[in-house]
Amino acid sequence: MKNLVQLSGYIRFQLDQLKSKNKHHEFEHLTRQLARQTVCQNILPATGPVGAGEAISELLVMD
């Protein structure tokens, strides 16, 4: 169980460091690939302006 606690702490630390290391685009790519493998293969990155809050979806699902 100790390894699981260490892994959880490591993941939390890395997520906290995303902004300071300007790695948010890499994280978006990673999560999009994970979603394609586990949820739906037809997920495409959204295009357009960012930072509009909940009005803009982060991912688009194409049929």
C-alpha atoms as a PDB file:
ATOM      1  CA  MET A   1       0.000   0.000   0.000  1.00  0.00           C
ATOM      2  CA  LYS A   2       2.929   2.317   0.587  1.00  0.00           C
ATOM      3  CA  ASN A   3       3.746   2.305  -3.135  1.00  0.00           C
ATOM      4  CA  LEU A   4       0.193   3.395  -3.962  1.00  0.00           C
ATOM      5  CA  VAL A   5       0.461   6.296  -1.510  1.00  0.00           C
ATOM      6  CA  GLN A   6       3.816   7.315  -2.989  1.00  0.00           C
ATOM      7  CA  LEU A   7       2.415   7.111  -6.523  1.00  0.00           C
ATOM      8  CA  SER A   8      -0.571   9.236  -5.547  1.00  0.00           C
ATOM      9  CA  GLY A   9       1.715  11.856  -4.009  1.00  0.00           C
ATOM     10  CA  TYR A  10       3.956  11.852  -7.085  1.00  0.00           C
ATOM     11  CA  ILE A  11       0.988  12.324  -9.443  1.00  0.00           C
ATOM     12  CA  ARG A  12      -0.397  15.169  -7.327  1.00  0.00           C
ATOM     13  CA  PHE A  13       3.020  16.861  -7.290  1.00  0.00           C
ATOM     14  CA  GLN A  14       3.387  16.556 -11.070  1.00  0.00           C
ATOM     15  CA  LEU A  15      -0.118  17.951 -11.636  1.00  0.00           C
ATOM     16  CA  ASP A  16       0.724  20.912  -9.387  1.00  0.00           C
ATOM     17  CA  GLN A  17       3.852  21.567 -11.474  1.00  0.00           C
ATOM     18  CA  LEU A  18       2.077  21.669 -14.864  1.00  0.00           C
ATOM     19  CA  LYS A  19       1.493  25.415 -14.886  1.00  0.00           C
ATOM     20  CA  SER A  20       4.957  26.392 -13.712  1.00  0.00           C
ATOM     21  CA  LYS A  21       6.600  24.139 -16.313  1.00  0.00           C
ATOM     22  CA  ASN A  22       4.155  25.150 -19.086  1.00  0.00           C
ATOM     23  CA  LYS A  23       3.253  21.505 -19.699  1.00  0.00           C
ATOM     24  CA  HIS A  24      -0.536  21.853 -19.912  1.00  0.00           C
ATOM     25  CA  HIS A  25      -0.593  21.087 -23.642  1.00  0.00           C
ATOM     26  CA  GLU A  26       1.292  17.838 -23.078  1.00  0.00           C
ATOM     27  CA  PHE A  27      -1.199  16.956 -20.332  1.00  0.00           C
ATOM     28  CA  GLU A  28      -4.132  17.654 -22.662  1.00  0.00           C
ATOM     29  CA  HIS A  29      -2.583  15.369 -25.283  1.00  0.00           C
ATOM     30  CA  LEU A  30      -2.017  12.616 -22.709  1.00  0.00           C
ATOM     31  CA  THR A  31      -5.571  12.795 -21.356  1.00  0.00           C
ATOM     32  CA  ARG A  32      -7.035  12.879 -24.873  1.00  0.00           C
ATOM     33  CA  GLN A  33      -5.109   9.708 -25.765  1.00  0.00           C
ATOM     34  CA  LEU A  34      -6.228   8.065 -22.519  1.00  0.00           C
ATOM     35  CA  ALA A  35      -9.860   8.983 -23.245  1.00  0.00           C
ATOM     36  CA  ARG A  36      -9.561   7.565 -26.768  1.00  0.00           C
ATOM     37  CA  GLN A  37      -8.326   4.264 -25.362  1.00  0.00           C
ATOM     38  CA  THR A  38     -10.825   3.973 -22.527  1.00  0.00           C
ATOM     39  CA  VAL A  39     -13.969   5.915 -23.483  1.00  0.00           C
ATOM     40  CA  CYS A  40     -14.397   6.699 -27.185  1.00  0.00           C
ATOM     41  CA  GLN A  41     -12.038   6.558 -30.178  1.00  0.00           C
ATOM     42  CA  ASN A  42     -13.699   9.495 -31.968  1.00  0.00           C
ATOM     43  CA  ILE A  43     -12.437  12.247 -29.666  1.00  0.00           C
ATOM     44  CA  LEU A  44     -10.815  15.235 -31.384  1.00  0.00           C
ATOM     45  CA  PRO A  45      -9.212  18.304 -29.819  1.00  0.00           C
ATOM     46  CA  ALA A  46     -11.423  21.364 -29.719  1.00  0.00           C
ATOM     47  CA  THR A  47     -10.365  24.372 -31.762  1.00  0.00           C
ATOM     48  CA  GLY A  48     -11.012  28.022 -31.151  1.00  0.00           C
ATOM     49  CA  PRO A  49     -10.436  30.416 -28.284  1.00  0.00           C
ATOM     50  CA  VAL A  50      -9.645  29.110 -24.819  1.00  0.00           C
ATOM     51  CA  GLY A  51     -10.479  30.502 -21.417  1.00  0.00           C
ATOM     52  CA  ALA A  52     -14.180  31.123 -21.931  1.00  0.00           C
ATOM     53  CA  GLY A  53     -15.175  29.031 -18.961  1.00  0.00           C
ATOM     54  CA  GLU A  54     -17.868  26.409 -19.262  1.00  0.00           C
ATOM     55  CA  ALA A  55     -19.193  27.829 -22.518  1.00  0.00           C
ATOM     56  CA  ILE A  56     -16.483  26.061 -24.539  1.00  0.00           C
ATOM     57  CA  SER A  57     -16.048  22.308 -24.377  1.00  0.00           C
ATOM     58  CA  GLU A  58     -12.525  20.963 -24.033  1.00  0.00           C
ATOM     59  CA  LEU A  59     -13.056  18.001 -26.355  1.00  0.00           C
ATOM     60  CA  LEU A  60     -15.381  17.317 -29.243  1.00  0.00           C
ATOM     61  CA  VAL A  61     -16.793  13.880 -30.033  1.00  0.00           C
ATOM     62  CA  MET A  62     -17.344  13.276 -33.710  1.00  0.00           C
ATOM     63  CA  ASP A  63     -19.711  10.566 -35.007  1.00  0.00           C
END
